[in-house]
């Protein structure tokens, strides 16, 4: 089991955590927002938290809950949209951030370790063969950009059109192009790709605990993940290849993710564990579980 965190990153910093909140810096701006897993006390004084450029106020009374809507309270001079960058080797990514009604800003910084993994897996081959990567539940496209920066032919699937449009902005800002965009239910799309006889070198999955497709299709992680992974296995090329399964459901441990990947893709050697971020006081904030493998 491995605990992974991003390398030092000029445009991101987890300043403090505690009291079911987190204080972060994205580029030039600091944000204060709920974090249900930060059950300990804060290390920084309240005046540091109050100096945040924007604060997310939940609509409900339960500050521990993670799924409710809310609103952002902005300090003078805080824009609703801005940019930040991420660099690794020859990969230079640029993200447009924004304040959403669900507290998210368009990027999950802990995923940077997976972006590096994708770039390392794809870049040795993408220039010499038709290396194809499929990104499911792809959100604003950090993993898609990493694969495209490595030279891969990328298909990006998400069920929300506005999120796809956001991903396109990130692609353009990163000086990349020719990503294939699909506004589609992930399971339906994968089943059609299997029927078409399509094959991929890399598949990235970041499924939510619950969700809806563009036509109201219901997604429940524990009910559908095995079926989806089996369909994905039918799309996989033997090598060079990689798979990443990332889970934000707090009820799924990394052992579950690892068992799923090993069972479905019939691989012996995997990496699995947790992705985390560390605040200035040294507290490690767990944010997701993962399992992944690469075949060279």
C-alpha atoms as a PDB file:
ATOM      1  CA  UNK A   1       0.000   0.000   0.000  1.00  0.00           C
ATOM      2  CA  UNK A   2       1.346   3.413  -0.993  1.00  0.00           C
ATOM      3  CA  UNK A   3       0.416   6.881   0.240  1.00  0.00           C
ATOM      4  CA  UNK A   4       1.019   9.356  -2.577  1.00  0.00           C
ATOM      5  CA  UNK A   5       1.096  13.141  -2.625  1.00  0.00           C
ATOM      6  CA  UNK A   6       2.061  15.604  -5.366  1.00  0.00           C
ATOM      7  CA  UNK A   7       5.569  16.971  -5.717  1.00  0.00           C
ATOM      8  CA  UNK A   8       6.116  20.571  -4.508  1.00  0.00           C
ATOM      9  CA  UNK A   9       3.920  22.767  -6.692  1.00  0.00           C
ATOM     10  CA  UNK A  10       4.400  26.516  -7.052  1.00  0.00           C
ATOM     11  CA  UNK A  11       0.736  27.241  -7.813  1.00  0.00           C
ATOM     12  CA  UNK A  12      -0.859  25.130  -5.057  1.00  0.00           C
ATOM     13  CA  UNK A  13      -0.542  24.969  -1.268  1.00  0.00           C
ATOM     14  CA  UNK A  14      -2.634  23.389   1.486  1.00  0.00           C
ATOM     15  CA  UNK A  15      -2.197  26.030   4.183  1.00  0.00           C
ATOM     16  CA  UNK A  16      -4.237  24.571   7.041  1.00  0.00           C
ATOM     17  CA  UNK A  17      -6.897  21.976   7.861  1.00  0.00           C
ATOM     18  CA  UNK A  18      -9.239  21.320  10.765  1.00  0.00           C
ATOM     19  CA  UNK A  19     -12.708  21.955  12.109  1.00  0.00           C
ATOM     20  CA  UNK A  20     -14.130  20.236   9.005  1.00  0.00           C
ATOM     21  CA  UNK A  21     -12.554  22.860   6.743  1.00  0.00           C
ATOM     22  CA  UNK A  22      -9.467  23.378   4.599  1.00  0.00           C
ATOM     23  CA  UNK A  23      -7.581  26.518   3.625  1.00  0.00           C
ATOM     24  CA  UNK A  24      -5.819  26.359   0.254  1.00  0.00           C
ATOM     25  CA  UNK A  25      -3.945  28.564  -2.175  1.00  0.00           C
ATOM     26  CA  UNK A  26      -4.665  28.146  -5.872  1.00  0.00           C
ATOM     27  CA  UNK A  27      -2.308  30.404  -7.792  1.00  0.00           C
ATOM     28  CA  UNK A  28      -2.595  33.882  -6.318  1.00  0.00           C
ATOM     29  CA  UNK A  29      -5.785  33.275  -4.309  1.00  0.00           C
ATOM     30  CA  UNK A  30      -6.593  31.519  -1.032  1.00  0.00           C
ATOM     31  CA  UNK A  31      -9.888  29.688  -0.560  1.00  0.00           C
ATOM     32  CA  UNK A  32     -11.674  28.457   2.561  1.00  0.00           C
ATOM     33  CA  UNK A  33     -14.105  25.590   2.056  1.00  0.00           C
ATOM     34  CA  UNK A  34     -15.635  22.559   3.846  1.00  0.00           C
ATOM     35  CA  UNK A  35     -13.662  19.324   4.261  1.00  0.00           C
ATOM     36  CA  UNK A  36     -15.563  16.535   6.080  1.00  0.00           C
ATOM     37  CA  UNK A  37     -12.419  14.482   6.786  1.00  0.00           C
ATOM     38  CA  UNK A  38     -10.556  17.285   8.604  1.00  0.00           C
ATOM     39  CA  UNK A  39     -11.886  16.231  12.001  1.00  0.00           C
ATOM     40  CA  UNK A  40      -8.961  17.646  14.029  1.00  0.00           C
ATOM     41  CA  UNK A  41      -8.420  21.188  15.289  1.00  0.00           C
ATOM     42  CA  UNK A  42      -6.980  23.946  13.113  1.00  0.00           C
ATOM     43  CA  UNK A  43      -3.320  24.871  13.530  1.00  0.00           C
ATOM     44  CA  UNK A  44      -3.517  28.429  12.213  1.00  0.00           C
ATOM     45  CA  UNK A  45      -5.338  31.232  14.105  1.00  0.00           C
ATOM     46  CA  UNK A  46      -8.775  32.314  12.898  1.00  0.00           C
ATOM     47  CA  UNK A  47      -7.419  35.580  11.496  1.00  0.00           C
ATOM     48  CA  UNK A  48      -5.435  33.580   8.937  1.00  0.00           C
ATOM     49  CA  UNK A  49      -8.599  31.785   7.827  1.00  0.00           C
ATOM     50  CA  UNK A  50     -10.586  35.006   7.722  1.00  0.00           C
ATOM     51  CA  UNK A  51      -8.031  36.509   5.341  1.00  0.00           C
ATOM     52  CA  UNK A  52      -9.002  34.032   2.593  1.00  0.00           C
ATOM     53  CA  UNK A  53      -9.959  35.651  -0.700  1.00  0.00           C
ATOM     54  CA  UNK A  54     -13.124  33.516  -0.856  1.00  0.00           C
ATOM     55  CA  UNK A  55     -15.148  31.508   1.666  1.00  0.00           C
ATOM     56  CA  UNK A  56     -17.690  28.800   0.816  1.00  0.00           C
ATOM     57  CA  UNK A  57     -20.814  29.095   2.953  1.00  0.00           C
ATOM     58  CA  UNK A  58     -22.982  25.987   2.996  1.00  0.00           C
ATOM     59  CA  UNK A  59     -26.705  26.338   2.425  1.00  0.00           C
ATOM     60  CA  UNK A  60     -27.465  23.721   5.101  1.00  0.00           C
ATOM     61  CA  UNK A  61     -26.632  23.732   8.781  1.00  0.00           C
ATOM     62  CA  UNK A  62     -24.495  20.581   8.805  1.00  0.00           C
ATOM     63  CA  UNK A  63     -20.929  21.770   8.180  1.00  0.00           C
ATOM     64  CA  UNK A  64     -19.688  18.166   8.152  1.00  0.00           C
ATOM     65  CA  UNK A  65     -21.790  17.201   5.112  1.00  0.00           C
ATOM     66  CA  UNK A  66     -20.053  17.248   1.754  1.00  0.00           C
ATOM     67  CA  UNK A  67     -22.811  17.232  -0.870  1.00  0.00           C
ATOM     68  CA  UNK A  68     -24.926  20.299  -0.174  1.00  0.00           C
ATOM     69  CA  UNK A  69     -25.041  23.426  -2.254  1.00  0.00           C
ATOM     70  CA  UNK A  70     -23.864  26.748  -0.966  1.00  0.00           C
ATOM     71  CA  UNK A  71     -22.443  30.066  -2.047  1.00  0.00           C
ATOM     72  CA  UNK A  72     -19.065  31.741  -2.195  1.00  0.00           C
ATOM     73  CA  UNK A  73     -18.478  34.902  -0.177  1.00  0.00           C
ATOM     74  CA  UNK A  74     -15.823  36.935  -1.988  1.00  0.00           C
ATOM     75  CA  UNK A  75     -13.351  39.468  -0.670  1.00  0.00           C
ATOM     76  CA  UNK A  76     -12.868  42.635  -2.709  1.00  0.00           C
ATOM     77  CA  UNK A  77     -10.715  41.897  -5.739  1.00  0.00           C
ATOM     78  CA  UNK A  78     -11.376  38.151  -5.830  1.00  0.00           C
ATOM     79  CA  UNK A  79     -12.309  37.107  -9.404  1.00  0.00           C
ATOM     80  CA  UNK A  80     -14.826  34.354 -10.097  1.00  0.00           C
ATOM     81  CA  UNK A  81     -12.425  32.848 -12.648  1.00  0.00           C
ATOM     82  CA  UNK A  82      -8.626  32.694 -12.805  1.00  0.00           C
ATOM     83  CA  UNK A  83      -5.775  30.414 -13.967  1.00  0.00           C
ATOM     84  CA  UNK A  84      -3.128  28.203 -12.410  1.00  0.00           C
ATOM     85  CA  UNK A  85      -0.366  26.024 -13.888  1.00  0.00           C
ATOM     86  CA  UNK A  86       1.165  22.601 -13.367  1.00  0.00           C
ATOM     87  CA  UNK A  87       4.498  21.473 -14.833  1.00  0.00           C
ATOM     88  CA  UNK A  88       6.208  18.076 -14.992  1.00  0.00           C
ATOM     89  CA  UNK A  89       9.110  17.251 -17.302  1.00  0.00           C
ATOM     90  CA  UNK A  90       7.940  18.538 -20.724  1.00  0.00           C
ATOM     91  CA  UNK A  91       4.297  18.716 -19.617  1.00  0.00           C
ATOM     92  CA  UNK A  92       2.979  22.255 -19.097  1.00  0.00           C
ATOM     93  CA  UNK A  93      -0.680  22.344 -18.108  1.00  0.00           C
ATOM     94  CA  UNK A  94      -2.823  25.396 -17.489  1.00  0.00           C
ATOM     95  CA  UNK A  95      -6.213  25.267 -15.793  1.00  0.00           C
ATOM     96  CA  UNK A  96      -9.041  27.765 -15.724  1.00  0.00           C
ATOM     97  CA  UNK A  97     -10.487  27.727 -12.202  1.00  0.00           C
ATOM     98  CA  UNK A  98     -13.929  28.894 -11.136  1.00  0.00           C
ATOM     99  CA  UNK A  99     -16.148  29.027  -8.046  1.00  0.00           C
ATOM    100  CA  UNK A 100     -19.028  26.539  -8.315  1.00  0.00           C
ATOM    101  CA  UNK A 101     -22.176  26.069  -6.229  1.00  0.00           C
ATOM    102  CA  UNK A 102     -20.860  22.690  -5.000  1.00  0.00           C
ATOM    103  CA  UNK A 103     -17.622  24.153  -3.509  1.00  0.00           C
ATOM    104  CA  UNK A 104     -15.413  22.708  -6.273  1.00  0.00           C
ATOM    105  CA  UNK A 105     -13.110  24.950  -8.296  1.00  0.00           C
ATOM    106  CA  UNK A 106     -12.317  22.772 -11.322  1.00  0.00           C
ATOM    107  CA  UNK A 107      -9.248  20.925 -10.121  1.00  0.00           C
ATOM    108  CA  UNK A 108      -8.380  18.232  -7.560  1.00  0.00           C
ATOM    109  CA  UNK A 109      -4.715  18.930  -6.707  1.00  0.00           C
ATOM    110  CA  UNK A 110      -4.062  15.497  -5.202  1.00  0.00           C
ATOM    111  CA  UNK A 111      -4.584  14.028  -8.686  1.00  0.00           C
ATOM    112  CA  UNK A 112      -1.291  15.523  -9.872  1.00  0.00           C
ATOM    113  CA  UNK A 113       0.463  12.291  -8.917  1.00  0.00           C
ATOM    114  CA  UNK A 114      -1.802  10.436 -11.365  1.00  0.00           C
ATOM    115  CA  UNK A 115      -1.106  13.011 -14.087  1.00  0.00           C
ATOM    116  CA  UNK A 116       2.618  12.280 -13.703  1.00  0.00           C
ATOM    117  CA  UNK A 117       1.904   8.539 -13.846  1.00  0.00           C
ATOM    118  CA  UNK A 118      -0.102   8.951 -17.072  1.00  0.00           C
ATOM    119  CA  UNK A 119       2.592  11.073 -18.691  1.00  0.00           C
ATOM    120  CA  UNK A 120       5.319   8.575 -17.733  1.00  0.00           C
ATOM    121  CA  UNK A 121       3.256   5.629 -19.019  1.00  0.00           C
ATOM    122  CA  UNK A 122       2.326   7.168 -22.366  1.00  0.00           C
ATOM    123  CA  UNK A 123       5.237   9.362 -23.418  1.00  0.00           C
ATOM    124  CA  UNK A 124       7.735   6.573 -24.317  1.00  0.00           C
ATOM    125  CA  UNK A 125       5.289   5.151 -26.902  1.00  0.00           C
ATOM    126  CA  UNK A 126       2.933   7.874 -28.053  1.00  0.00           C
ATOM    127  CA  UNK A 127       5.376   9.244 -30.614  1.00  0.00           C
ATOM    128  CA  UNK A 128       5.970   5.919 -32.333  1.00  0.00           C
ATOM    129  CA  UNK A 129       2.566   4.201 -32.279  1.00  0.00           C
ATOM    130  CA  UNK A 130      -1.124   5.082 -32.193  1.00  0.00           C
ATOM    131  CA  UNK A 131      -1.347   5.183 -28.398  1.00  0.00           C
ATOM    132  CA  UNK A 132      -4.975   5.636 -27.318  1.00  0.00           C
ATOM    133  CA  UNK A 133      -6.239   6.724 -23.890  1.00  0.00           C
ATOM    134  CA  UNK A 134      -9.837   6.714 -22.624  1.00  0.00           C
ATOM    135  CA  UNK A 135     -10.757   8.987 -19.697  1.00  0.00           C
ATOM    136  CA  UNK A 136     -14.125   8.174 -18.081  1.00  0.00           C
ATOM    137  CA  UNK A 137     -15.958  10.493 -15.652  1.00  0.00           C
ATOM    138  CA  UNK A 138     -13.304  12.913 -16.858  1.00  0.00           C
ATOM    139  CA  UNK A 139     -14.494  16.174 -15.194  1.00  0.00           C
ATOM    140  CA  UNK A 140     -12.412  19.189 -16.303  1.00  0.00           C
ATOM    141  CA  UNK A 141      -9.749  17.042 -17.882  1.00  0.00           C
ATOM    142  CA  UNK A 142      -6.512  17.081 -15.887  1.00  0.00           C
ATOM    143  CA  UNK A 143      -5.845  13.436 -16.775  1.00  0.00           C
ATOM    144  CA  UNK A 144      -6.891  14.011 -20.391  1.00  0.00           C
ATOM    145  CA  UNK A 145      -4.443  16.898 -20.695  1.00  0.00           C
ATOM    146  CA  UNK A 146      -1.625  14.807 -19.216  1.00  0.00           C
ATOM    147  CA  UNK A 147      -2.255  12.032 -21.748  1.00  0.00           C
ATOM    148  CA  UNK A 148      -2.472  14.480 -24.647  1.00  0.00           C
ATOM    149  CA  UNK A 149       0.706  16.251 -23.496  1.00  0.00           C
ATOM    150  CA  UNK A 150       2.431  12.853 -23.669  1.00  0.00           C
ATOM    151  CA  UNK A 151       1.323  12.527 -27.300  1.00  0.00           C
ATOM    152  CA  UNK A 152      -1.601  10.130 -26.866  1.00  0.00           C
ATOM    153  CA  UNK A 153      -4.844  10.040 -28.851  1.00  0.00           C
ATOM    154  CA  UNK A 154      -7.328  10.954 -26.085  1.00  0.00           C
ATOM    155  CA  UNK A 155     -11.077  10.322 -25.711  1.00  0.00           C
ATOM    156  CA  UNK A 156     -12.665  12.329 -22.876  1.00  0.00           C
ATOM    157  CA  UNK A 157     -16.085  11.207 -21.563  1.00  0.00           C
ATOM    158  CA  UNK A 158     -18.292  13.107 -19.134  1.00  0.00           C
ATOM    159  CA  UNK A 159     -22.075  13.321 -18.777  1.00  0.00           C
ATOM    160  CA  UNK A 160     -22.260  17.106 -18.246  1.00  0.00           C
ATOM    161  CA  UNK A 161     -21.915  19.370 -21.272  1.00  0.00           C
ATOM    162  CA  UNK A 162     -20.828  22.404 -19.234  1.00  0.00           C
ATOM    163  CA  UNK A 163     -17.957  20.371 -17.771  1.00  0.00           C
ATOM    164  CA  UNK A 164     -16.892  19.280 -21.249  1.00  0.00           C
ATOM    165  CA  UNK A 165     -16.830  22.939 -22.301  1.00  0.00           C
ATOM    166  CA  UNK A 166     -14.680  23.724 -19.252  1.00  0.00           C
ATOM    167  CA  UNK A 167     -12.294  20.932 -20.266  1.00  0.00           C
ATOM    168  CA  UNK A 168     -11.996  22.434 -23.754  1.00  0.00           C
ATOM    169  CA  UNK A 169     -10.961  25.747 -22.187  1.00  0.00           C
ATOM    170  CA  UNK A 170      -8.213  23.937 -20.254  1.00  0.00           C
ATOM    171  CA  UNK A 171      -7.015  22.179 -23.414  1.00  0.00           C
ATOM    172  CA  UNK A 172      -6.740  25.483 -25.299  1.00  0.00           C
ATOM    173  CA  UNK A 173      -5.064  27.214 -22.333  1.00  0.00           C
ATOM    174  CA  UNK A 174      -2.508  24.369 -22.236  1.00  0.00           C
ATOM    175  CA  UNK A 175      -1.705  24.778 -25.952  1.00  0.00           C
ATOM    176  CA  UNK A 176      -3.044  21.308 -26.747  1.00  0.00           C
ATOM    177  CA  UNK A 177      -5.617  20.174 -29.293  1.00  0.00           C
ATOM    178  CA  UNK A 178      -7.524  17.292 -30.901  1.00  0.00           C
ATOM    179  CA  UNK A 179      -9.009  15.660 -27.810  1.00  0.00           C
ATOM    180  CA  UNK A 180     -12.154  13.689 -28.673  1.00  0.00           C
ATOM    181  CA  UNK A 181     -15.038  14.978 -26.525  1.00  0.00           C
ATOM    182  CA  UNK A 182     -18.047  12.784 -25.637  1.00  0.00           C
ATOM    183  CA  UNK A 183     -21.042  14.030 -23.609  1.00  0.00           C
ATOM    184  CA  UNK A 184     -22.208  10.576 -22.651  1.00  0.00           C
ATOM    185  CA  UNK A 185     -23.016   8.099 -19.924  1.00  0.00           C
ATOM    186  CA  UNK A 186     -19.763   6.229 -19.260  1.00  0.00           C
ATOM    187  CA  UNK A 187     -21.204   2.708 -19.191  1.00  0.00           C
ATOM    188  CA  UNK A 188     -23.253   3.216 -22.358  1.00  0.00           C
ATOM    189  CA  UNK A 189     -20.257   4.652 -24.173  1.00  0.00           C
ATOM    190  CA  UNK A 190     -17.942   1.808 -23.164  1.00  0.00           C
ATOM    191  CA  UNK A 191     -20.465  -0.831 -24.250  1.00  0.00           C
ATOM    192  CA  UNK A 192     -20.722   0.788 -27.682  1.00  0.00           C
ATOM    193  CA  UNK A 193     -16.944   0.939 -28.000  1.00  0.00           C
ATOM    194  CA  UNK A 194     -16.754  -2.792 -27.237  1.00  0.00           C
ATOM    195  CA  UNK A 195     -19.293  -3.524 -29.995  1.00  0.00           C
ATOM    196  CA  UNK A 196     -17.263  -1.384 -32.408  1.00  0.00           C
ATOM    197  CA  UNK A 197     -14.142  -3.404 -31.634  1.00  0.00           C
ATOM    198  CA  UNK A 198     -12.234  -0.399 -30.298  1.00  0.00           C
ATOM    199  CA  UNK A 199      -9.053  -0.843 -28.273  1.00  0.00           C
ATOM    200  CA  UNK A 200      -7.166   1.425 -25.872  1.00  0.00           C
ATOM    201  CA  UNK A 201      -3.702   1.438 -24.328  1.00  0.00           C
ATOM    202  CA  UNK A 202      -4.789   3.371 -21.270  1.00  0.00           C
ATOM    203  CA  UNK A 203      -8.063   3.705 -19.362  1.00  0.00           C
ATOM    204  CA  UNK A 204      -8.668   6.166 -16.529  1.00  0.00           C
ATOM    205  CA  UNK A 205     -11.746   5.850 -14.309  1.00  0.00           C
ATOM    206  CA  UNK A 206     -12.801   8.350 -11.653  1.00  0.00           C
ATOM    207  CA  UNK A 207     -16.395   7.325 -10.901  1.00  0.00           C
ATOM    208  CA  UNK A 208     -18.548   9.137  -8.326  1.00  0.00           C
ATOM    209  CA  UNK A 209     -20.418   7.339  -5.571  1.00  0.00           C
ATOM    210  CA  UNK A 210     -23.703   8.456  -7.177  1.00  0.00           C
ATOM    211  CA  UNK A 211     -24.486  10.202 -10.424  1.00  0.00           C
ATOM    212  CA  UNK A 212     -26.750  10.722 -13.406  1.00  0.00           C
ATOM    213  CA  UNK A 213     -26.047  10.403 -17.118  1.00  0.00           C
ATOM    214  CA  UNK A 214     -27.156  13.005 -19.688  1.00  0.00           C
ATOM    215  CA  UNK A 215     -30.459  11.140 -20.195  1.00  0.00           C
ATOM    216  CA  UNK A 216     -31.066  10.486 -16.496  1.00  0.00           C
ATOM    217  CA  UNK A 217     -29.161   7.201 -16.364  1.00  0.00           C
ATOM    218  CA  UNK A 218     -28.608   6.241 -12.723  1.00  0.00           C
ATOM    219  CA  UNK A 219     -25.093   5.473 -11.479  1.00  0.00           C
ATOM    220  CA  UNK A 220     -24.493   3.818  -8.098  1.00  0.00           C
ATOM    221  CA  UNK A 221     -20.846   2.893  -7.593  1.00  0.00           C
ATOM    222  CA  UNK A 222     -21.221  -0.422  -5.770  1.00  0.00           C
ATOM    223  CA  UNK A 223     -23.963  -1.603  -8.140  1.00  0.00           C
ATOM    224  CA  UNK A 224     -22.261  -0.740 -11.432  1.00  0.00           C
ATOM    225  CA  UNK A 225     -18.486  -0.629 -10.996  1.00  0.00           C
ATOM    226  CA  UNK A 226     -17.882  -4.325 -11.682  1.00  0.00           C
ATOM    227  CA  UNK A 227     -19.928  -4.244 -14.890  1.00  0.00           C
ATOM    228  CA  UNK A 228     -18.130  -1.133 -16.088  1.00  0.00           C
ATOM    229  CA  UNK A 229     -14.685  -2.563 -15.378  1.00  0.00           C
ATOM    230  CA  UNK A 230     -15.495  -5.789 -17.237  1.00  0.00           C
ATOM    231  CA  UNK A 231     -16.514  -3.773 -20.275  1.00  0.00           C
ATOM    232  CA  UNK A 232     -13.308  -1.747 -19.973  1.00  0.00           C
ATOM    233  CA  UNK A 233     -11.258  -4.938 -19.850  1.00  0.00           C
ATOM    234  CA  UNK A 234     -12.642  -5.853 -23.258  1.00  0.00           C
ATOM    235  CA  UNK A 235     -11.248  -2.573 -24.609  1.00  0.00           C
ATOM    236  CA  UNK A 236      -7.705  -3.027 -23.277  1.00  0.00           C
ATOM    237  CA  UNK A 237      -4.647  -3.785 -25.345  1.00  0.00           C
ATOM    238  CA  UNK A 238      -2.221  -6.107 -23.513  1.00  0.00           C
ATOM    239  CA  UNK A 239       0.774  -3.748 -23.722  1.00  0.00           C
ATOM    240  CA  UNK A 240       1.941  -1.094 -23.558  1.00  0.00           C
ATOM    241  CA  UNK A 241      -1.007  -0.304 -21.334  1.00  0.00           C
ATOM    242  CA  UNK A 242      -2.122   1.194 -18.045  1.00  0.00           C
ATOM    243  CA  UNK A 243      -5.255   1.486 -15.907  1.00  0.00           C
ATOM    244  CA  UNK A 244      -6.072   3.963 -13.140  1.00  0.00           C
ATOM    245  CA  UNK A 245      -9.098   3.505 -10.889  1.00  0.00           C
ATOM    246  CA  UNK A 246      -9.620   6.451  -8.545  1.00  0.00           C
ATOM    247  CA  UNK A 247     -12.374   6.473  -5.917  1.00  0.00           C
ATOM    248  CA  UNK A 248     -13.650   9.375  -3.830  1.00  0.00           C
ATOM    249  CA  UNK A 249     -16.329   7.286  -2.109  1.00  0.00           C
ATOM    250  CA  UNK A 250     -15.400   7.263   1.577  1.00  0.00           C
ATOM    251  CA  UNK A 251     -16.884   3.775   1.912  1.00  0.00           C
ATOM    252  CA  UNK A 252     -14.418   2.153  -0.514  1.00  0.00           C
ATOM    253  CA  UNK A 253     -10.928   1.357   0.767  1.00  0.00           C
ATOM    254  CA  UNK A 254      -7.900   1.069  -1.479  1.00  0.00           C
ATOM    255  CA  UNK A 255      -7.982  -2.703  -0.935  1.00  0.00           C
ATOM    256  CA  UNK A 256     -11.360  -2.804  -2.664  1.00  0.00           C
ATOM    257  CA  UNK A 257      -9.988  -0.773  -5.576  1.00  0.00           C
ATOM    258  CA  UNK A 258      -6.981  -3.086  -5.813  1.00  0.00           C
ATOM    259  CA  UNK A 259      -9.110  -6.237  -5.719  1.00  0.00           C
ATOM    260  CA  UNK A 260     -11.291  -4.852  -8.513  1.00  0.00           C
ATOM    261  CA  UNK A 261      -8.344  -4.025 -10.756  1.00  0.00           C
ATOM    262  CA  UNK A 262      -6.507  -7.300 -10.152  1.00  0.00           C
ATOM    263  CA  UNK A 263      -9.637  -9.413 -10.610  1.00  0.00           C
ATOM    264  CA  UNK A 264     -10.940  -7.781 -13.776  1.00  0.00           C
ATOM    265  CA  UNK A 265      -7.701  -6.985 -15.600  1.00  0.00           C
ATOM    266  CA  UNK A 266      -5.888 -10.151 -14.465  1.00  0.00           C
ATOM    267  CA  UNK A 267      -2.695  -8.429 -13.364  1.00  0.00           C
ATOM    268  CA  UNK A 268      -0.459  -9.411 -10.499  1.00  0.00           C
ATOM    269  CA  UNK A 269       1.558  -6.266  -9.906  1.00  0.00           C
ATOM    270  CA  UNK A 270      -0.397  -3.138  -9.022  1.00  0.00           C
ATOM    271  CA  UNK A 271       0.007   0.018  -7.004  1.00  0.00           C
ATOM    272  CA  UNK A 272      -2.747   0.918  -4.573  1.00  0.00           C
ATOM    273  CA  UNK A 273      -3.287   3.181  -1.613  1.00  0.00           C
ATOM    274  CA  UNK A 274      -4.419   6.729  -0.839  1.00  0.00           C
ATOM    275  CA  UNK A 275      -3.838  10.143  -2.333  1.00  0.00           C
ATOM    276  CA  UNK A 276      -3.331  12.882   0.241  1.00  0.00           C
ATOM    277  CA  UNK A 277      -2.205  16.461   0.746  1.00  0.00           C
ATOM    278  CA  UNK A 278      -0.139  17.804   3.667  1.00  0.00           C
ATOM    279  CA  UNK A 279      -0.817  21.124   5.374  1.00  0.00           C
ATOM    280  CA  UNK A 280       1.811  23.422   6.858  1.00  0.00           C
ATOM    281  CA  UNK A 281       1.443  21.773  10.270  1.00  0.00           C
ATOM    282  CA  UNK A 282       2.317  18.396   8.753  1.00  0.00           C
ATOM    283  CA  UNK A 283      -1.178  16.856   8.968  1.00  0.00           C
ATOM    284  CA  UNK A 284      -1.881  14.499   6.065  1.00  0.00           C
ATOM    285  CA  UNK A 285      -5.382  14.946   4.643  1.00  0.00           C
ATOM    286  CA  UNK A 286      -6.639  11.775   2.882  1.00  0.00           C
ATOM    287  CA  UNK A 287      -8.708  12.591  -0.183  1.00  0.00           C
ATOM    288  CA  UNK A 288      -9.120   9.518  -2.399  1.00  0.00           C
ATOM    289  CA  UNK A 289      -8.169   5.878  -2.828  1.00  0.00           C
ATOM    290  CA  UNK A 290      -6.653   4.436  -5.980  1.00  0.00           C
ATOM    291  CA  UNK A 291      -5.403   1.310  -7.707  1.00  0.00           C
ATOM    292  CA  UNK A 292      -3.356   1.342 -10.906  1.00  0.00           C
ATOM    293  CA  UNK A 293      -0.974  -0.674 -13.022  1.00  0.00           C
ATOM    294  CA  UNK A 294       1.227  -0.231 -16.060  1.00  0.00           C
ATOM    295  CA  UNK A 295       2.479  -2.849 -18.537  1.00  0.00           C
ATOM    296  CA  UNK A 296       5.487  -1.765 -20.613  1.00  0.00           C
END
